[in-house]
Protein backbone atom coordinates (compact mmCIF):
# COMPACT_ATOMS: atom_id res chain seq x y z
CA MET A 1 0.00 0.00 0.00
CA LYS A 2 0.95 3.64 -0.40
CA ILE A 3 0.69 5.44 2.93
CA ALA A 4 0.94 9.13 3.87
CA ILE A 5 2.04 10.17 7.35
CA VAL A 6 1.40 13.74 8.45
CA GLY A 7 4.07 14.54 11.02
CA SER A 8 7.61 13.19 11.11
CA GLY A 9 8.45 13.30 14.78
CA LEU A 10 9.30 10.12 16.64
CA SER A 11 5.75 8.76 16.49
CA GLY A 12 5.40 9.16 12.73
CA LEU A 13 8.88 7.80 12.08
CA ALA A 14 8.33 4.79 14.34
CA CYS A 15 5.18 3.96 12.40
CA ALA A 16 7.01 4.49 9.10
CA ASP A 17 9.81 2.14 10.15
CA GLN A 18 7.36 -0.68 10.78
CA LEU A 19 5.34 -0.06 7.60
CA VAL A 20 8.36 0.14 5.31
CA ALA A 21 9.81 -3.02 6.86
CA ALA A 22 6.55 -4.76 5.93
CA GLY A 23 6.91 -3.67 2.30
CA HIS A 24 4.62 -0.65 2.16
CA ARG A 25 5.52 2.65 0.49
CA VAL A 26 5.48 5.57 2.91
CA ARG A 27 5.76 9.30 2.38
CA LEU A 28 5.94 11.71 5.34
CA PHE A 29 5.03 15.40 5.47
CA ASP A 30 6.05 17.91 8.13
CA LYS A 31 5.54 21.64 8.51
CA ALA A 32 8.90 22.04 10.26
CA ARG A 33 12.09 22.93 8.40
CA GLY A 34 13.90 19.83 9.58
CA PRO A 35 13.81 16.81 11.92
CA GLY A 36 13.17 17.07 15.61
CA GLY A 37 9.58 17.72 16.58
CA ARG A 38 9.50 18.01 20.35
CA MET A 39 13.08 16.70 20.33
CA SER A 40 14.22 19.81 18.47
CA THR A 41 17.58 21.53 18.85
CA ARG A 42 18.27 25.18 18.09
CA ARG A 43 21.77 26.31 17.09
CA LEU A 44 22.86 29.94 17.26
CA ASP A 45 26.13 31.70 16.46
CA THR A 46 27.72 33.85 19.15
CA ALA A 47 30.89 35.92 19.50
CA VAL A 48 32.64 32.95 21.14
CA GLY A 49 31.33 30.17 18.92
CA GLN A 50 28.17 28.31 18.11
CA VAL A 51 25.85 27.31 20.94
CA SER A 52 23.09 24.71 20.88
CA PHE A 53 19.92 24.41 22.94
CA ASP A 54 17.72 21.34 23.28
CA HIS A 55 14.68 23.56 23.66
CA GLY A 56 12.07 20.80 23.50
CA ALA A 57 12.31 17.48 25.33
CA GLN A 58 15.21 17.57 27.75
CA TYR A 59 15.90 13.83 27.96
CA PHE A 60 14.13 10.53 27.47
CA THR A 61 13.79 7.22 29.27
CA ALA A 62 13.67 3.67 27.90
CA ARG A 63 11.46 1.34 29.92
CA ASP A 64 9.81 -0.75 27.21
CA GLN A 65 12.02 -3.65 26.12
CA ALA A 66 11.63 -3.01 22.39
CA PHE A 67 12.40 0.67 22.83
CA GLN A 68 15.42 -0.24 24.95
CA THR A 69 16.71 -2.28 22.01
CA LEU A 70 16.36 0.73 19.71
CA VAL A 71 18.05 3.06 22.19
CA LYS A 72 20.93 0.58 22.48
CA GLN A 73 21.32 0.83 18.69
CA TRP A 74 21.39 4.63 19.00
CA GLN A 75 24.04 4.32 21.71
CA ASP A 76 26.15 1.97 19.58
CA SER A 77 25.95 4.36 16.62
CA GLY A 78 26.88 7.36 18.77
CA THR A 79 23.57 9.18 18.41
CA ALA A 80 22.50 8.75 22.07
CA ALA A 81 24.16 8.59 25.47
CA ARG A 82 23.23 8.53 29.13
CA TRP A 83 23.05 11.87 30.95
CA PRO A 84 23.68 11.25 34.67
CA GLY A 85 22.97 14.90 35.46
CA ALA A 86 19.24 14.27 35.05
CA GLY A 87 19.17 10.89 36.77
CA PRO A 88 20.09 7.22 36.19
CA GLU A 89 17.35 6.65 33.59
CA ALA A 90 18.05 9.75 31.49
CA TRP A 91 19.19 9.51 27.87
CA VAL A 92 19.89 12.31 25.39
CA GLY A 93 20.65 12.54 21.71
CA VAL A 94 24.29 13.21 20.75
CA PRO A 95 25.58 15.71 19.76
CA ALA A 96 22.08 17.19 20.05
CA MET A 97 18.68 15.98 21.14
CA ASN A 98 17.43 15.69 17.56
CA ALA A 99 20.26 13.33 16.49
CA PRO A 100 18.16 10.11 16.73
CA ILE A 101 15.31 11.78 14.81
CA LYS A 102 17.72 12.92 12.09
CA ALA A 103 19.03 9.37 11.78
CA LEU A 104 15.53 7.88 11.57
CA SER A 105 14.22 10.43 9.07
CA ALA A 106 17.25 10.03 6.79
CA ARG A 107 16.00 6.64 5.64
CA HIS A 108 12.51 7.84 4.72
CA ASP A 109 10.89 10.02 2.08
CA VAL A 110 10.12 13.19 4.06
CA THR A 111 8.84 16.48 2.66
CA TRP A 112 9.75 19.33 5.02
CA SER A 113 8.31 22.84 5.35
CA LEU A 114 4.90 21.73 4.12
CA ARG A 115 1.76 22.16 6.20
CA ILE A 116 -1.13 19.83 5.38
CA ASP A 117 -4.35 21.84 5.64
CA SER A 118 -7.02 19.29 4.71
CA LEU A 119 -7.71 15.70 3.68
CA VAL A 120 -9.81 14.73 0.66
CA LYS A 121 -11.16 11.29 -0.24
CA LYS A 122 -11.42 10.57 -4.00
CA ASP A 123 -12.25 7.15 -5.47
CA ASN A 124 -11.63 5.59 -2.08
CA ARG A 125 -8.10 6.99 -1.88
CA TRP A 126 -6.68 9.91 0.06
CA GLN A 127 -5.38 13.18 -1.27
CA LEU A 128 -3.59 15.69 0.94
CA GLU A 129 -4.11 19.40 0.36
CA SER A 130 -1.85 22.29 1.27
CA ASP A 131 -2.20 26.01 0.68
CA ASP A 132 1.54 26.12 -0.08
CA GLN A 133 1.97 23.35 -2.62
CA THR A 134 0.09 20.89 -4.81
CA ILE A 135 0.54 17.26 -3.79
CA GLU A 136 -0.04 14.98 -6.75
CA ASP A 137 0.27 11.64 -4.95
CA VAL A 138 -2.76 9.70 -3.79
CA PHE A 139 -2.64 7.28 -0.87
CA ASP A 140 -4.39 4.16 0.37
CA ILE A 141 -4.02 5.15 4.02
CA VAL A 142 -3.38 8.44 5.80
CA ILE A 143 -1.85 8.65 9.28
CA LEU A 144 -1.87 11.68 11.55
CA ALA A 145 1.19 11.77 13.82
CA ILE A 146 0.73 15.31 15.13
CA PRO A 147 -0.44 16.96 18.39
CA ALA A 148 -4.05 16.35 19.39
CA GLU A 149 -5.16 19.89 18.58
CA GLN A 150 -3.77 19.69 15.04
CA ALA A 151 -5.12 16.18 14.52
CA ALA A 152 -8.58 17.39 15.50
CA ASP A 153 -8.55 19.97 12.70
CA LEU A 154 -7.87 17.30 10.07
CA LEU A 155 -10.24 14.72 11.56
CA ALA A 156 -13.26 17.02 11.69
CA SER A 157 -14.76 15.83 8.40
CA TRP A 158 -13.95 12.14 8.72
CA ASP A 159 -14.14 10.37 12.05
CA LYS A 160 -16.26 11.95 14.77
CA ASP A 161 -15.14 9.45 17.43
CA PHE A 162 -11.46 10.12 16.77
CA LEU A 163 -12.22 13.83 16.64
CA ALA A 164 -13.78 13.65 20.10
CA VAL A 165 -10.74 11.85 21.51
CA ALA A 166 -8.37 14.45 20.07
CA ALA A 167 -10.54 17.43 21.00
CA ASN A 168 -10.77 16.24 24.61
CA THR A 169 -7.04 15.59 25.04
CA ALA A 170 -5.51 19.03 25.32
CA SER A 171 -1.78 19.69 25.51
CA ALA A 172 -0.25 22.06 28.04
CA PRO A 173 1.83 24.96 26.67
CA CYS A 174 5.41 25.78 27.63
CA TRP A 175 7.51 28.91 27.37
CA THR A 176 11.18 27.97 27.01
CA LEU A 177 14.02 30.39 27.72
CA MET A 178 17.45 29.85 26.17
CA LEU A 179 20.45 31.56 27.79
CA ALA A 180 24.17 31.36 26.96
CA PHE A 181 27.10 33.02 28.71
CA ALA A 182 30.72 33.68 27.79
CA ASP A 183 31.80 32.52 31.26
CA SER A 184 30.21 29.66 33.14
CA LEU A 185 27.71 30.57 35.83
CA GLN A 186 29.14 30.10 39.29
CA THR A 187 26.90 27.26 40.40
CA GLU A 188 27.33 23.53 40.85
CA LYS A 189 23.72 22.89 39.93
CA ILE A 190 23.01 21.05 36.69
CA THR A 191 19.22 21.04 36.96
CA VAL A 192 16.50 23.00 38.76
CA ARG A 193 13.07 21.40 39.08
CA ASP A 194 9.50 21.88 40.21
CA ASP A 195 9.37 25.58 40.97
CA VAL A 196 5.96 27.24 40.67
CA VAL A 197 7.32 29.41 37.82
CA ILE A 198 10.14 27.30 36.40
CA GLY A 199 9.22 23.66 36.05
CA TRP A 200 12.65 22.68 34.76
CA ALA A 201 16.01 24.28 34.07
CA ALA A 202 19.17 22.53 32.95
CA ARG A 203 22.73 23.31 31.98
CA ASN A 204 22.42 22.15 28.39
CA SER A 205 26.18 22.33 27.90
CA SER A 206 26.62 19.62 30.58
CA LYS A 207 25.06 17.00 28.33
CA PRO A 208 27.41 14.52 26.60
CA GLY A 209 28.79 15.61 23.24
CA ARG A 210 28.00 19.31 23.68
CA THR A 211 30.53 22.00 22.84
CA GLY A 212 30.56 25.79 22.97
CA PRO A 213 29.80 28.30 25.72
CA ASP A 214 27.83 27.73 28.91
CA SER A 215 24.21 27.24 27.86
CA TRP A 216 20.98 26.81 29.82
CA VAL A 217 17.45 25.79 28.89
CA ILE A 218 14.77 27.09 31.28
CA GLN A 219 11.21 25.81 30.86
CA ALA A 220 8.31 27.52 32.58
CA SER A 221 5.67 25.49 34.42
CA PRO A 222 2.45 24.68 32.53
CA ASP A 223 0.37 27.01 34.72
CA TRP A 224 2.77 29.93 34.31
CA SER A 225 3.04 29.30 30.57
CA GLN A 226 -0.73 29.31 30.21
CA GLU A 227 -1.04 32.51 32.23
CA HIS A 228 1.63 34.25 30.12
CA LEU A 229 0.85 32.52 26.81
CA GLU A 230 0.35 35.73 24.84
CA ASP A 231 3.18 37.71 26.46
CA SER A 232 5.88 39.04 24.16
CA GLN A 233 9.18 37.20 23.87
CA GLY A 234 10.93 40.12 25.58
CA GLU A 235 8.60 40.00 28.57
CA VAL A 236 9.10 36.26 28.96
CA VAL A 237 12.90 36.55 28.72
CA SER A 238 12.89 39.20 31.45
CA LEU A 239 10.52 37.41 33.84
CA LEU A 240 12.06 33.94 33.52
CA SER A 241 15.64 35.27 33.68
CA SER A 242 14.85 37.04 36.95
CA ARG A 243 13.24 33.97 38.48
CA PHE A 244 16.10 31.76 37.29
CA ALA A 245 18.68 34.04 38.92
CA ASP A 246 16.73 33.94 42.19
CA LEU A 247 16.56 30.15 42.18
CA LEU A 248 20.29 29.81 41.52
CA GLY A 249 21.18 32.57 43.96
CA VAL A 250 23.52 34.24 41.48
CA ALA A 251 23.56 37.47 39.53
CA LEU A 252 23.33 36.69 35.81
CA PRO A 253 25.98 38.37 33.65
CA ASP A 254 25.01 39.86 30.30
CA PRO A 255 24.13 36.84 28.16
CA LEU A 256 25.50 35.99 24.73
CA VAL A 257 22.04 34.66 23.88
CA ALA A 258 18.68 35.38 25.52
CA SER A 259 15.80 34.00 23.49
CA ALA A 260 12.39 32.51 24.25
CA HIS A 261 10.35 29.95 22.33
CA ARG A 262 6.65 29.33 22.88
CA TRP A 263 5.47 25.74 22.56
CA ARG A 264 1.69 25.86 22.30
CA TYR A 265 1.51 22.06 22.39
CA ALA A 266 4.29 20.99 24.72
CA ARG A 267 3.25 18.52 27.40
CA SER A 268 0.81 16.03 25.91
CA GLY A 269 -2.33 14.68 27.50
CA LYS A 270 -3.24 11.02 27.95
CA THR A 271 -6.04 8.67 26.85
CA ASP A 272 -6.84 5.01 27.46
CA GLN A 273 -5.71 4.02 23.94
CA ASN A 274 -2.27 3.50 22.37
CA ALA A 275 -3.30 4.52 18.85
CA LEU A 276 -6.42 4.91 16.71
CA TYR A 277 -7.22 3.20 13.41
CA ASN A 278 -10.41 3.21 11.33
CA LYS A 279 -10.04 0.48 8.72
CA ASP A 280 -13.23 1.55 6.91
CA PHE A 281 -11.91 5.06 6.29
CA SER A 282 -8.24 3.90 6.19
CA ILE A 283 -7.19 6.63 8.59
CA GLY A 284 -4.98 6.32 11.66
CA VAL A 285 -3.79 8.51 14.51
CA CYS A 286 -0.71 8.16 16.70
CA GLY A 287 1.28 10.34 19.07
CA ASP A 288 2.55 10.62 22.61
CA TRP A 289 -0.67 12.42 23.57
CA LEU A 290 -2.53 9.11 23.40
CA ILE A 291 -0.32 7.38 25.97
CA GLY A 292 1.47 10.03 28.03
CA PRO A 293 3.97 12.90 28.02
CA ARG A 294 7.20 10.99 27.43
CA VAL A 295 9.37 10.61 24.33
CA GLU A 296 9.11 6.84 24.64
CA CYS A 297 5.31 7.09 24.46
CA ALA A 298 5.55 8.62 20.98
CA TRP A 299 7.53 5.62 19.73
CA LEU A 300 5.16 3.16 21.41
CA SER A 301 2.11 4.82 19.83
CA GLY A 302 3.56 4.84 16.32
CA THR A 303 4.58 1.21 16.63
CA ALA A 304 1.14 0.25 17.97
CA LEU A 305 -0.61 1.93 15.01
CA ALA A 306 1.51 0.01 12.52
CA LYS A 307 0.47 -3.25 14.20
CA MET A 308 -3.19 -2.22 13.96
CA ILE A 309 -2.77 -1.66 10.22
CA PHE A 310 -1.11 -5.07 9.83
CA ALA A 311 -4.03 -6.68 11.68
């Protein structure tokens, strides 16, 4: 079969891996400029060299046996390593969080920088429509591997039950602050957790394989992010920088980089299903939001959907 997957984060790529291994032809579409999804990495040039920030997921765990096998392959290939600074179960991509996603996407047919705006059924096959580009291909099956809110938009005309699941599984937002300094901050702390304003902060440059100046990723709590969702980037940089300095107990020097990124769909929800598949409409849905807010859950959901299609 010829299968389209909308979204090429870990969930979509996990599903694609299984489908291609079974002999199906898969094409993926993603509105981002490159691989990463919530495992994205941002690189910026500074006066003292390039600095990178894992401004999405900070680390991942591997508890499922099959996922452990995959992570071991990533470790053997040098694209993942343990990060003791976040705990004994923590893994990160090397040299950046998106390294495993880049490796997975490299073996698939992925079209980047293309937003899918609607789905059309013609002669019992699927056509994808975009305001930016004409997509000539037609597909036997379409899979949505995107956040619940975005999946709901595309499901509206096709499966009311799936639409209800997606519409009732909201994601929590997250403002993320990225700071870099010419000289390392005078603190022994690697992470800061569970503050009412800052849910997580980490010395990104302490992760294995990182180079460049001292860099920090500071992620606001879901409640604070929701309260300040429409604040300007400048306001968020100022407020989170001040709180971060208070929590560390240090005065922050002038930063090389001070930038904020707003994730509208950051921390996923959770349902009682691993994936969704309607064989009559030939449409499927996968994503971490179906299982829980962990990187591993995205892989589990994509793999589960592929098995549903096989069945």
